[in-house]
N, C-alpha and C. Protein backbone atom coordinates (compact mmCIF):
# COMPACT_ATOMS: atom_id res chain seq x y z
N MET A 1 -119.78 162.33 -20.37
CA MET A 1 -118.65 161.47 -21.40
C MET A 1 -117.28 161.88 -20.61
N LEU A 2 -116.34 161.08 -20.83
CA LEU A 2 -114.73 161.51 -19.84
C LEU A 2 -114.71 162.39 -21.22
N THR A 3 -113.92 163.26 -20.44
CA THR A 3 -112.73 164.77 -21.02
C THR A 3 -111.48 163.68 -21.53
N ASP A 4 -110.88 164.98 -22.58
CA ASP A 4 -109.73 164.42 -23.10
C ASP A 4 -108.71 163.89 -21.78
N ALA A 5 -108.83 164.52 -20.42
CA ALA A 5 -107.47 164.80 -19.36
C ALA A 5 -107.74 163.24 -18.59
N ARG A 6 -109.30 162.73 -18.54
CA ARG A 6 -109.68 161.61 -17.94
C ARG A 6 -109.54 160.74 -18.53
N PHE A 7 -109.59 160.60 -20.08
CA PHE A 7 -108.59 160.22 -20.99
C PHE A 7 -107.66 159.24 -20.92
N LEU A 8 -106.37 160.60 -20.55
CA LEU A 8 -105.24 160.41 -20.69
C LEU A 8 -105.01 160.17 -18.89
N GLU A 9 -105.74 159.82 -18.17
CA GLU A 9 -105.66 159.56 -16.79
C GLU A 9 -105.56 158.16 -17.15
N VAL A 10 -106.63 157.54 -17.58
CA VAL A 10 -106.81 156.17 -17.74
C VAL A 10 -105.52 156.23 -18.80
N TYR A 11 -105.26 156.18 -19.71
CA TYR A 11 -103.97 155.76 -20.45
C TYR A 11 -102.85 156.25 -19.95
N GLU A 12 -102.34 156.44 -18.73
CA GLU A 12 -101.16 156.54 -18.31
C GLU A 12 -101.83 155.69 -17.04
N LEU A 13 -102.74 154.84 -16.56
CA LEU A 13 -102.48 154.15 -15.56
C LEU A 13 -102.15 153.26 -16.50
N LEU A 14 -102.62 153.20 -18.16
CA LEU A 14 -102.18 151.13 -18.13
C LEU A 14 -101.16 151.24 -19.69
N ASP A 15 -100.23 152.41 -19.46
CA ASP A 15 -99.17 152.55 -20.07
C ASP A 15 -98.20 151.64 -19.66
N LYS A 16 -97.67 150.89 -18.68
CA LYS A 16 -96.86 150.32 -18.30
C LYS A 16 -97.20 148.71 -18.92
N GLY A 17 -96.49 148.16 -18.83
CA GLY A 17 -96.78 146.68 -19.29
C GLY A 17 -97.40 145.96 -18.84
N MET A 18 -98.10 145.03 -19.04
CA MET A 18 -98.84 143.92 -17.81
C MET A 18 -98.03 142.68 -17.60
N SER A 19 -96.92 143.23 -18.13
CA SER A 19 -95.67 141.74 -18.32
C SER A 19 -94.53 142.56 -17.94
N GLU A 20 -93.64 141.33 -18.05
CA GLU A 20 -91.87 142.29 -18.07
C GLU A 20 -91.98 142.37 -19.83
N GLY A 21 -90.94 143.31 -20.28
CA GLY A 21 -90.51 143.59 -21.41
C GLY A 21 -92.13 144.17 -22.19
N ASP A 22 -92.08 144.53 -23.50
CA ASP A 22 -93.18 144.89 -24.24
C ASP A 22 -93.44 144.20 -24.61
N CYS A 23 -95.00 143.54 -24.03
CA CYS A 23 -96.01 142.25 -24.42
C CYS A 23 -96.49 142.62 -25.97
N GLY A 24 -96.06 143.95 -26.30
CA GLY A 24 -96.82 144.12 -27.87
C GLY A 24 -95.83 143.81 -28.57
N GLU A 25 -94.89 143.07 -28.47
CA GLU A 25 -93.55 142.73 -29.14
C GLU A 25 -93.91 141.31 -30.03
N PRO A 26 -94.22 140.58 -28.67
CA PRO A 26 -94.51 139.10 -29.69
C PRO A 26 -96.23 138.93 -30.08
N CYS A 27 -97.06 139.71 -29.64
CA CYS A 27 -98.41 139.29 -29.97
C CYS A 27 -98.61 140.56 -31.41
N ALA A 28 -97.22 141.53 -31.75
CA ALA A 28 -97.26 142.35 -33.00
C ALA A 28 -98.32 141.29 -33.83
N ARG A 29 -97.70 140.44 -33.95
CA ARG A 29 -98.39 139.16 -35.79
C ARG A 29 -99.66 138.94 -34.97
N PHE A 30 -100.44 139.16 -34.58
CA PHE A 30 -101.87 138.72 -33.81
C PHE A 30 -102.71 139.90 -33.48
N CYS A 31 -102.04 141.36 -33.50
CA CYS A 31 -103.34 141.80 -32.48
C CYS A 31 -103.12 143.02 -33.76
N CYS A 32 -102.02 143.86 -34.24
CA CYS A 32 -102.01 145.41 -34.79
C CYS A 32 -101.88 144.32 -36.49
N THR A 33 -102.50 143.31 -37.20
CA THR A 33 -102.30 143.56 -38.45
C THR A 33 -103.46 142.68 -39.46
N GLY A 34 -103.26 142.89 -40.78
CA GLY A 34 -104.37 142.77 -40.94
C GLY A 34 -105.70 142.95 -40.95
N VAL A 35 -106.63 142.49 -41.25
CA VAL A 35 -108.27 143.54 -40.68
C VAL A 35 -108.86 143.31 -39.42
N ALA A 36 -109.05 144.28 -39.02
CA ALA A 36 -109.55 144.58 -37.50
C ALA A 36 -110.13 145.50 -37.20
N VAL A 37 -111.21 145.37 -36.84
CA VAL A 37 -112.26 146.32 -36.15
C VAL A 37 -112.16 146.83 -34.69
N LYS A 38 -111.72 147.87 -34.50
CA LYS A 38 -111.61 148.17 -32.88
C LYS A 38 -112.61 149.27 -32.68
N THR A 39 -113.51 149.30 -31.10
CA THR A 39 -114.38 150.35 -30.93
C THR A 39 -113.57 151.91 -30.28
N LEU A 40 -113.92 152.46 -30.34
CA LEU A 40 -114.21 153.76 -29.83
C LEU A 40 -114.87 153.57 -28.44
N LEU A 41 -113.93 154.22 -27.39
CA LEU A 41 -115.46 154.60 -26.07
C LEU A 41 -115.75 155.65 -26.36
N PRO A 42 -116.94 156.12 -25.55
CA PRO A 42 -117.70 157.63 -26.05
C PRO A 42 -116.39 158.79 -25.55
N GLY A 43 -116.76 159.35 -26.35
CA GLY A 43 -115.49 160.57 -26.23
C GLY A 43 -114.35 160.54 -26.66
N GLU A 44 -113.97 159.24 -27.50
CA GLU A 44 -112.46 158.67 -27.54
C GLU A 44 -112.10 159.41 -28.79
N GLU A 45 -112.46 159.48 -29.61
CA GLU A 45 -112.71 160.04 -30.88
C GLU A 45 -112.06 160.68 -30.88
N ALA A 46 -112.43 161.86 -30.61
CA ALA A 46 -110.91 163.48 -30.77
C ALA A 46 -109.60 162.78 -30.50
N LEU A 47 -109.20 162.09 -29.20
CA LEU A 47 -107.94 161.86 -28.96
C LEU A 47 -107.39 161.08 -30.07
N PHE A 48 -108.06 159.78 -30.54
CA PHE A 48 -108.01 159.07 -31.85
C PHE A 48 -107.37 159.63 -33.01
N ALA A 49 -108.16 160.70 -33.21
CA ALA A 49 -108.16 161.28 -34.26
C ALA A 49 -106.86 162.20 -34.53
N ALA A 50 -106.64 162.68 -33.13
CA ALA A 50 -105.36 163.81 -32.82
C ALA A 50 -104.43 162.63 -32.96
N TYR A 51 -104.37 161.71 -32.96
CA TYR A 51 -103.01 160.70 -33.21
C TYR A 51 -103.25 160.48 -34.35
N HIS A 52 -104.03 160.06 -34.63
CA HIS A 52 -104.49 159.20 -36.49
C HIS A 52 -104.86 160.02 -37.35
N PRO A 53 -104.66 161.09 -37.62
CA PRO A 53 -106.01 162.10 -38.74
C PRO A 53 -106.04 160.86 -40.14
N GLU A 54 -104.75 160.19 -39.85
CA GLU A 54 -104.82 159.52 -42.01
C GLU A 54 -105.84 158.57 -41.85
N VAL A 55 -106.10 157.88 -39.89
CA VAL A 55 -107.09 156.56 -40.24
C VAL A 55 -108.50 157.32 -40.19
N LYS A 56 -109.36 156.05 -40.94
CA LYS A 56 -110.97 156.73 -41.14
C LYS A 56 -111.41 156.22 -39.89
N LEU A 57 -112.57 156.50 -39.59
CA LEU A 57 -113.40 156.29 -38.95
C LEU A 57 -115.04 155.96 -39.09
N ALA A 58 -115.31 154.37 -38.93
CA ALA A 58 -116.66 154.04 -39.23
C ALA A 58 -117.27 154.33 -38.20
N ARG A 59 -118.26 154.17 -38.51
CA ARG A 59 -119.52 154.46 -37.71
C ARG A 59 -120.52 153.36 -37.46
N GLY A 60 -120.14 152.65 -36.05
CA GLY A 60 -121.38 150.77 -36.23
C GLY A 60 -122.57 151.40 -35.37
N PRO A 61 -123.28 150.32 -34.77
CA PRO A 61 -124.26 150.27 -34.30
C PRO A 61 -124.62 150.58 -32.65
N THR A 62 -123.16 150.40 -31.80
CA THR A 62 -122.70 150.72 -30.88
C THR A 62 -122.28 151.75 -30.74
N GLY A 63 -121.39 152.73 -31.67
CA GLY A 63 -120.62 153.30 -31.40
C GLY A 63 -119.94 153.83 -32.73
N LEU A 64 -118.62 154.36 -32.78
CA LEU A 64 -117.59 155.24 -33.17
C LEU A 64 -116.41 153.23 -33.45
N ARG A 65 -115.99 153.27 -34.75
CA ARG A 65 -115.75 151.44 -34.65
C ARG A 65 -114.03 152.41 -35.48
N VAL A 66 -112.88 152.00 -35.31
CA VAL A 66 -111.59 152.26 -36.58
C VAL A 66 -112.00 150.94 -36.92
N VAL A 67 -111.55 151.17 -38.01
CA VAL A 67 -111.45 149.69 -39.19
C VAL A 67 -110.60 149.91 -39.22
N GLN A 68 -109.50 149.02 -39.35
CA GLN A 68 -107.85 148.99 -39.23
C GLN A 68 -107.78 148.02 -40.88
N SER A 69 -107.46 148.54 -41.57
CA SER A 69 -106.70 147.59 -43.11
C SER A 69 -105.32 147.18 -43.29
N ASP A 70 -105.04 146.83 -43.96
CA ASP A 70 -103.84 145.66 -44.45
C ASP A 70 -102.92 146.62 -43.14
N GLY A 71 -101.93 146.07 -42.34
CA GLY A 71 -100.93 147.18 -42.13
C GLY A 71 -101.59 147.49 -40.97
N CYS A 72 -100.64 148.30 -39.75
CA CYS A 72 -100.50 148.85 -38.97
C CYS A 72 -100.70 150.20 -38.55
N PHE A 73 -101.36 150.81 -37.99
CA PHE A 73 -101.64 152.27 -37.94
C PHE A 73 -101.14 152.32 -36.47
N CYS A 74 -100.94 151.06 -35.57
CA CYS A 74 -100.96 151.72 -34.49
C CYS A 74 -99.31 152.08 -33.79
N VAL A 75 -99.81 153.08 -32.75
CA VAL A 75 -98.33 153.35 -32.26
C VAL A 75 -98.75 153.76 -30.83
N ARG A 76 -97.05 152.62 -30.01
CA ARG A 76 -97.84 151.87 -29.01
C ARG A 76 -98.50 152.72 -27.67
N GLU A 77 -97.50 153.63 -28.00
CA GLU A 77 -98.63 154.86 -26.69
C GLU A 77 -99.53 155.61 -27.37
N HIS A 78 -99.97 155.93 -28.38
CA HIS A 78 -101.19 156.04 -28.95
C HIS A 78 -102.59 155.19 -28.82
N ARG A 79 -102.06 153.90 -28.26
CA ARG A 79 -103.10 152.64 -28.01
C ARG A 79 -104.33 153.15 -27.75
N LEU A 80 -105.67 152.78 -28.35
CA LEU A 80 -106.78 152.83 -27.81
C LEU A 80 -107.43 152.04 -26.06
N PHE A 81 -107.88 152.86 -25.52
CA PHE A 81 -108.91 151.84 -24.21
C PHE A 81 -108.92 150.58 -24.70
N VAL A 82 -108.96 150.06 -25.27
CA VAL A 82 -110.06 148.75 -25.50
C VAL A 82 -108.74 148.26 -26.29
N CYS A 83 -107.55 148.30 -26.16
CA CYS A 83 -105.86 147.49 -27.25
C CYS A 83 -105.02 147.69 -25.59
N ARG A 84 -105.21 148.76 -24.88
CA ARG A 84 -104.05 148.90 -23.58
C ARG A 84 -105.09 147.93 -22.13
N ALA A 85 -106.55 147.84 -22.65
CA ALA A 85 -106.84 146.88 -21.39
C ALA A 85 -106.87 145.36 -22.10
N PHE A 86 -106.57 145.20 -23.40
CA PHE A 86 -106.80 143.70 -23.89
C PHE A 86 -105.65 143.19 -22.98
N PRO A 87 -106.06 141.79 -22.79
CA PRO A 87 -107.35 141.03 -22.98
C PRO A 87 -107.72 141.15 -21.36
N PHE A 88 -107.69 141.52 -20.78
CA PHE A 88 -108.39 141.36 -19.49
C PHE A 88 -109.41 142.82 -19.40
N ARG A 89 -110.73 142.55 -18.80
CA ARG A 89 -112.24 142.62 -18.58
C ARG A 89 -112.07 143.18 -16.94
N PRO A 90 -113.40 143.86 -16.91
CA PRO A 90 -113.48 143.60 -15.23
C PRO A 90 -114.30 142.23 -14.39
N VAL A 91 -114.32 141.98 -13.61
CA VAL A 91 -114.99 141.51 -13.17
C VAL A 91 -116.37 142.29 -12.11
N LEU A 92 -116.94 142.45 -12.18
CA LEU A 92 -118.31 143.09 -11.40
C LEU A 92 -118.95 142.32 -10.28
N ASP A 93 -119.35 143.76 -8.97
CA ASP A 93 -120.09 143.07 -7.97
C ASP A 93 -120.81 143.20 -8.51
N ARG A 94 -122.29 142.50 -8.94
CA ARG A 94 -123.34 142.41 -9.57
C ARG A 94 -124.52 143.62 -8.41
N ASP A 95 -124.22 143.35 -6.88
CA ASP A 95 -124.90 144.68 -6.52
C ASP A 95 -124.47 145.80 -6.39
N THR A 96 -123.35 146.23 -6.44
CA THR A 96 -123.46 147.25 -6.68
C THR A 96 -122.11 148.15 -8.10
N GLY A 97 -122.45 147.24 -8.99
CA GLY A 97 -121.83 147.25 -10.19
C GLY A 97 -119.86 148.11 -9.94
N ALA A 98 -119.64 147.46 -8.93
CA ALA A 98 -117.91 147.65 -8.44
C ALA A 98 -116.90 147.29 -9.32
N VAL A 99 -115.97 147.60 -9.62
CA VAL A 99 -115.09 146.46 -10.43
C VAL A 99 -114.52 146.39 -9.45
N VAL A 100 -114.53 145.03 -9.25
CA VAL A 100 -113.78 144.05 -8.23
C VAL A 100 -112.23 143.28 -8.59
N ASP A 101 -112.39 142.84 -9.94
CA ASP A 101 -111.02 141.82 -9.95
C ASP A 101 -110.94 142.40 -11.13
N LEU A 102 -110.07 141.20 -12.36
CA LEU A 102 -109.81 141.16 -13.64
C LEU A 102 -110.29 139.99 -14.32
N ALA A 103 -110.24 139.31 -15.03
CA ALA A 103 -110.21 138.44 -15.74
C ALA A 103 -110.03 138.44 -17.18
N LYS A 104 -109.37 137.27 -17.44
CA LYS A 104 -108.89 136.81 -19.17
C LYS A 104 -109.65 137.07 -19.63
N VAL A 105 -110.12 137.28 -21.01
CA VAL A 105 -111.47 136.61 -22.21
C VAL A 105 -111.31 135.08 -22.27
N ASP A 106 -111.58 134.34 -22.75
CA ASP A 106 -111.39 133.28 -22.77
C ASP A 106 -111.99 133.27 -24.13
N ASN A 107 -112.41 133.42 -24.93
CA ASN A 107 -112.14 133.19 -26.77
C ASN A 107 -111.39 132.78 -27.18
N ASP A 108 -111.48 132.73 -28.67
CA ASP A 108 -111.07 131.79 -29.99
C ASP A 108 -109.89 133.29 -30.15
N THR A 109 -110.78 134.22 -30.02
CA THR A 109 -110.09 135.56 -30.54
C THR A 109 -108.84 135.89 -29.60
N PHE A 110 -109.03 136.48 -28.54
CA PHE A 110 -108.43 136.21 -26.92
C PHE A 110 -106.93 135.40 -27.34
N ALA A 111 -107.34 133.69 -27.46
CA ALA A 111 -106.56 132.92 -27.23
C ALA A 111 -104.90 133.28 -27.59
N PRO A 112 -104.36 134.03 -28.75
CA PRO A 112 -102.88 133.50 -28.89
C PRO A 112 -102.14 134.51 -27.69
N CYS A 113 -103.11 135.56 -27.02
CA CYS A 113 -102.29 136.31 -26.11
C CYS A 113 -101.86 135.13 -24.63
N TRP A 114 -100.58 134.82 -24.99
CA TRP A 114 -99.76 134.18 -23.28
C TRP A 114 -99.82 135.09 -22.17
N ILE A 115 -100.25 136.12 -21.98
CA ILE A 115 -100.16 136.24 -20.68
C ILE A 115 -101.50 135.37 -20.05
N THR A 116 -100.99 134.45 -18.87
CA THR A 116 -102.66 134.54 -18.28
C THR A 116 -102.86 135.11 -17.19
N GLU A 117 -101.30 135.84 -16.13
CA GLU A 117 -101.87 136.86 -15.06
C GLU A 117 -100.93 138.22 -15.06
N PRO A 118 -101.10 139.15 -14.96
CA PRO A 118 -100.81 140.56 -15.29
C PRO A 118 -99.58 140.02 -14.08
N LEU A 119 -99.54 141.73 -14.45
CA LEU A 119 -98.43 141.54 -13.71
C LEU A 119 -99.09 142.55 -11.77
N ALA A 120 -98.88 142.53 -10.82
CA ALA A 120 -99.77 143.32 -9.83
C ALA A 120 -99.60 144.55 -10.12
N ASP A 121 -98.87 145.05 -10.46
CA ASP A 121 -98.68 146.87 -10.45
C ASP A 121 -99.65 147.20 -11.73
N TRP A 122 -99.27 146.22 -12.52
CA TRP A 122 -100.78 147.04 -13.41
C TRP A 122 -102.21 146.33 -13.55
N ARG A 123 -102.17 145.41 -12.54
CA ARG A 123 -103.73 144.99 -12.37
C ARG A 123 -103.70 145.97 -11.69
N GLU A 124 -103.45 146.69 -10.11
CA GLU A 124 -104.23 147.43 -9.37
C GLU A 124 -104.37 148.74 -10.52
N ARG A 125 -103.44 149.11 -11.49
CA ARG A 125 -104.05 150.24 -12.22
C ARG A 125 -105.32 149.63 -13.44
N ALA A 126 -104.82 149.10 -13.67
CA ALA A 126 -106.45 148.32 -14.35
C ALA A 126 -107.82 148.08 -13.55
N LEU A 127 -107.94 148.09 -12.47
CA LEU A 127 -109.12 147.99 -11.81
C LEU A 127 -109.25 149.44 -11.96
N ARG A 128 -108.09 150.27 -11.33
CA ARG A 128 -108.34 152.30 -11.22
C ARG A 128 -109.06 152.36 -12.93
N ALA A 129 -108.13 151.60 -13.53
CA ALA A 129 -108.90 152.60 -15.19
C ALA A 129 -110.01 152.16 -15.50
N TRP A 130 -110.31 150.62 -15.19
CA TRP A 130 -111.24 150.21 -15.53
C TRP A 130 -113.23 151.56 -14.64
N SER A 131 -112.88 151.41 -13.28
CA SER A 131 -113.62 151.72 -12.05
C SER A 131 -113.75 153.33 -12.86
N ILE A 132 -112.36 153.92 -13.57
CA ILE A 132 -113.01 155.50 -13.88
C ILE A 132 -114.25 155.13 -15.39
N VAL A 133 -113.54 154.33 -16.14
CA VAL A 133 -114.55 154.19 -17.45
C VAL A 133 -115.94 154.15 -17.35
N LEU A 134 -115.95 152.66 -16.26
CA LEU A 134 -117.13 152.44 -15.83
C LEU A 134 -118.56 153.01 -14.66
N GLU A 135 -117.59 154.55 -14.50
CA GLU A 135 -118.51 155.78 -13.78
C GLU A 135 -119.21 156.08 -14.56
N ASP A 136 -118.33 156.59 -15.55
CA ASP A 136 -119.28 157.07 -16.90
C ASP A 136 -120.79 156.86 -17.50
N PRO A 137 -121.60 157.23 -17.04
CA PRO A 137 -122.85 156.91 -17.72
C PRO A 137 -122.67 156.83 -19.22
N ASP A 138 -122.15 157.43 -19.79
CA ASP A 138 -122.46 157.21 -21.36
C ASP A 138 -121.26 155.53 -21.86
N ASN A 139 -120.54 155.70 -21.18
CA ASN A 139 -119.56 154.07 -21.04
C ASN A 139 -120.42 153.10 -20.71
N ARG A 140 -121.09 153.04 -19.82
CA ARG A 140 -121.76 152.34 -19.00
C ARG A 140 -123.16 152.00 -20.47
N ARG A 141 -124.04 153.39 -20.92
CA ARG A 141 -124.99 153.30 -22.08
C ARG A 141 -124.30 152.49 -23.27
N PHE A 142 -122.83 152.50 -23.40
CA PHE A 142 -122.08 151.88 -24.85
C PHE A 142 -122.54 150.73 -24.57
N TYR A 143 -122.13 150.10 -22.96
CA TYR A 143 -122.37 148.34 -23.04
C TYR A 143 -123.03 148.40 -23.15
N SER A 144 -124.04 148.69 -22.31
CA SER A 144 -125.54 148.24 -22.52
C SER A 144 -126.11 148.32 -23.92
N ARG A 145 -125.90 148.95 -25.07
CA ARG A 145 -125.92 148.62 -26.25
C ARG A 145 -125.12 147.37 -26.95
N ILE A 146 -123.87 147.45 -26.38
CA ILE A 146 -123.79 146.29 -26.80
C ILE A 146 -124.23 144.78 -26.76
N VAL A 147 -124.68 144.42 -24.97
CA VAL A 147 -125.57 143.82 -25.03
C VAL A 147 -126.63 143.39 -25.81
N TYR A 148 -127.70 144.63 -25.78
CA TYR A 148 -128.54 144.31 -26.16
C TYR A 148 -128.55 144.18 -27.83
N LEU A 149 -127.58 144.85 -28.00
CA LEU A 149 -127.19 143.96 -29.98
C LEU A 149 -126.92 143.49 -29.95
N ARG A 150 -126.50 142.38 -29.50
CA ARG A 150 -126.01 141.17 -29.20
C ARG A 150 -126.83 140.09 -29.15
N ASN A 151 -127.88 140.28 -27.81
CA ASN A 151 -129.14 139.72 -27.77
C ASN A 151 -130.37 139.77 -29.11
N PHE A 152 -130.22 141.32 -29.40
CA PHE A 152 -131.23 140.90 -30.68
C PHE A 152 -130.70 140.34 -31.68
N LEU A 153 -129.64 140.53 -31.89
CA LEU A 153 -128.74 139.56 -33.10
C LEU A 153 -129.00 138.29 -33.21
N GLU A 154 -129.24 137.56 -32.19
CA GLU A 154 -129.54 135.94 -31.94
C GLU A 154 -130.70 135.45 -31.63
N PHE A 155 -132.07 137.11 -31.37
CA PHE A 155 -133.14 137.15 -31.69
C PHE A 155 -133.48 136.73 -33.27
N VAL A 156 -133.02 137.72 -33.67
CA VAL A 156 -133.61 137.78 -34.96
C VAL A 156 -132.44 137.41 -36.97
N GLY A 157 -131.46 136.92 -35.81
CA GLY A 157 -130.18 135.94 -37.07
C GLY A 157 -129.81 136.82 -38.15
N ASP A 158 -130.19 136.26 -39.32
CA ASP A 158 -129.31 136.63 -40.18
C ASP A 158 -129.63 138.26 -40.48
N GLN A 159 -131.65 137.91 -40.62
CA GLN A 159 -131.87 138.93 -40.87
C GLN A 159 -131.68 140.40 -40.63
N PHE A 160 -130.77 140.50 -39.20
CA PHE A 160 -130.41 141.53 -39.24
C PHE A 160 -129.55 142.21 -39.76
N TYR A 161 -128.44 141.72 -40.77
CA TYR A 161 -127.60 141.69 -41.84
C TYR A 161 -128.42 142.81 -43.23
N SER A 162 -129.23 142.15 -43.30
CA SER A 162 -130.08 143.39 -43.97
C SER A 162 -130.59 144.98 -43.68
N VAL A 163 -131.02 145.26 -42.27
CA VAL A 163 -130.87 146.42 -41.73
C VAL A 163 -130.08 147.06 -42.05
N PRO A 164 -129.53 148.42 -42.99
CA PRO A 164 -129.08 149.57 -42.86
C PRO A 164 -128.60 149.95 -41.60
N GLU A 165 -127.26 150.22 -41.60
CA GLU A 165 -126.75 149.81 -40.14
C GLU A 165 -127.34 151.83 -39.21
N GLU A 166 -127.61 152.60 -39.57
CA GLU A 166 -128.28 154.05 -39.65
C GLU A 166 -129.30 153.25 -38.80
N ARG A 167 -130.47 152.69 -39.43
CA ARG A 167 -131.24 152.80 -39.23
C ARG A 167 -131.17 151.57 -37.47
N ILE A 168 -130.55 150.95 -36.75
CA ILE A 168 -129.86 149.75 -35.99
C ILE A 168 -129.39 150.74 -35.16
N ASP A 169 -128.88 151.45 -35.53
CA ASP A 169 -128.42 152.79 -34.31
C ASP A 169 -129.32 153.98 -33.68
N LEU A 170 -130.76 154.45 -35.17
CA LEU A 170 -131.46 154.92 -34.31
C LEU A 170 -132.46 153.86 -33.78
N PHE A 171 -132.61 152.32 -34.17
CA PHE A 171 -133.79 151.99 -33.17
C PHE A 171 -132.68 151.42 -31.53
N LEU A 172 -131.70 151.67 -31.74
CA LEU A 172 -131.23 151.11 -30.35
C LEU A 172 -130.86 152.89 -29.78
N ASP A 173 -130.77 154.05 -30.20
CA ASP A 173 -131.16 154.92 -29.40
C ASP A 173 -132.08 155.16 -28.73
N GLU A 174 -133.28 154.39 -29.80
CA GLU A 174 -135.26 154.57 -29.07
C GLU A 174 -135.16 153.54 -27.90
N VAL A 175 -134.30 152.15 -27.96
CA VAL A 175 -134.86 151.37 -26.91
C VAL A 175 -133.79 151.78 -25.83
N ILE A 176 -132.15 152.08 -26.12
CA ILE A 176 -131.36 152.28 -24.50
C ILE A 176 -132.08 153.55 -24.26
N GLY A 177 -132.70 154.85 -24.60
CA GLY A 177 -133.31 155.79 -24.41
C GLY A 177 -134.24 155.98 -23.25
N THR A 178 -135.18 154.94 -23.85
CA THR A 178 -136.60 154.91 -23.08
C THR A 178 -136.24 154.05 -21.91
N MET A 179 -135.37 153.17 -21.84
CA MET A 179 -134.74 152.51 -20.46
C MET A 179 -134.94 153.15 -19.38
N THR A 180 -135.30 152.80 -18.24
CA THR A 180 -134.87 153.29 -16.28
C THR A 180 -133.40 152.86 -16.21
N PRO A 181 -132.82 153.27 -15.22
CA PRO A 181 -131.58 153.51 -15.22
C PRO A 181 -131.27 151.93 -14.62
N ASP A 182 -132.43 151.56 -13.43
CA ASP A 182 -132.51 149.85 -13.66
C ASP A 182 -132.21 148.78 -14.83
N GLN A 183 -133.04 149.55 -15.53
CA GLN A 183 -132.56 148.01 -16.97
C GLN A 183 -131.16 148.71 -17.33
N GLU A 184 -131.28 149.39 -17.47
CA GLU A 184 -129.77 150.11 -18.05
C GLU A 184 -128.29 149.38 -17.62
N ARG A 185 -129.44 149.12 -16.41
CA ARG A 185 -127.43 148.86 -15.18
C ARG A 185 -128.08 147.51 -15.46
N ILE A 186 -128.62 146.41 -15.50
CA ILE A 186 -128.81 145.03 -15.65
C ILE A 186 -128.19 144.90 -16.53
N LEU A 187 -128.07 145.83 -18.34
CA LEU A 187 -127.24 145.19 -19.36
C LEU A 187 -125.97 145.30 -19.31
N TRP A 188 -126.04 146.85 -18.97
CA TRP A 188 -124.17 146.81 -18.60
C TRP A 188 -123.24 146.17 -17.88
N LEU A 189 -124.04 145.65 -17.25
CA LEU A 189 -123.46 144.73 -15.94
C LEU A 189 -123.11 143.39 -16.56
N LEU A 190 -124.45 142.81 -17.38
CA LEU A 190 -123.98 141.48 -18.21
C LEU A 190 -123.02 141.55 -19.06
N GLN A 191 -122.47 142.69 -19.17
CA GLN A 191 -121.26 142.63 -20.55
C GLN A 191 -120.19 142.35 -20.24
N PHE A 192 -120.33 142.07 -18.27
CA PHE A 192 -119.14 141.79 -18.03
C PHE A 192 -118.60 140.64 -16.86
N PRO A 193 -118.25 139.99 -16.79
CA PRO A 193 -118.47 138.77 -15.72
C PRO A 193 -118.50 139.58 -14.24
N GLY A 194 -118.98 138.63 -13.62
CA GLY A 194 -119.50 139.32 -11.69
C GLY A 194 -119.20 138.03 -11.07
N SER A 195 -118.88 138.73 -9.98
CA SER A 195 -117.91 138.31 -8.99
C SER A 195 -119.66 137.67 -8.39
N ALA A 196 -119.47 136.44 -7.49
CA ALA A 196 -120.79 136.04 -6.27
C ALA A 196 -121.22 136.48 -5.42
């Protein structure tokens, strides 16, 4: 699990904007309003709780989540990793798992983001930040859980929602816990785009 110091290093890498000026200003109406669920990486809880003791954390089947209700708790310098990296994900070398590039997530949720290409300096720092995050076995396991859960959800459909979250959590712990490192690697690599 990444230490607080390592998280702060990752945060610092992503502190400078990905565009000229503060990209959070034009995007505030999309990103930090209304009801949103944001996910903390393993080990990120302590830092977040220190910055935002007033925010209640909810645990979901992939790990801790931040449930944001009406209004914004976000203070830009205290953003979570997922907010700092938004909307770019790593592109991974399928053979080595190394972070080789970035790609903007292309779906309706991310569509309002007007940045198509980040500044070159931010891109280099983001590649390093994602590399640090994905070098950590707990983060790789976290992303394995997301992929497994997504596939499981597609398989069982709406019946999934009748299962209590704590049972899903135990189920995922058992399944991921019994996987070999190679099986787990296949899963977390699927969470991100890959290079040919």
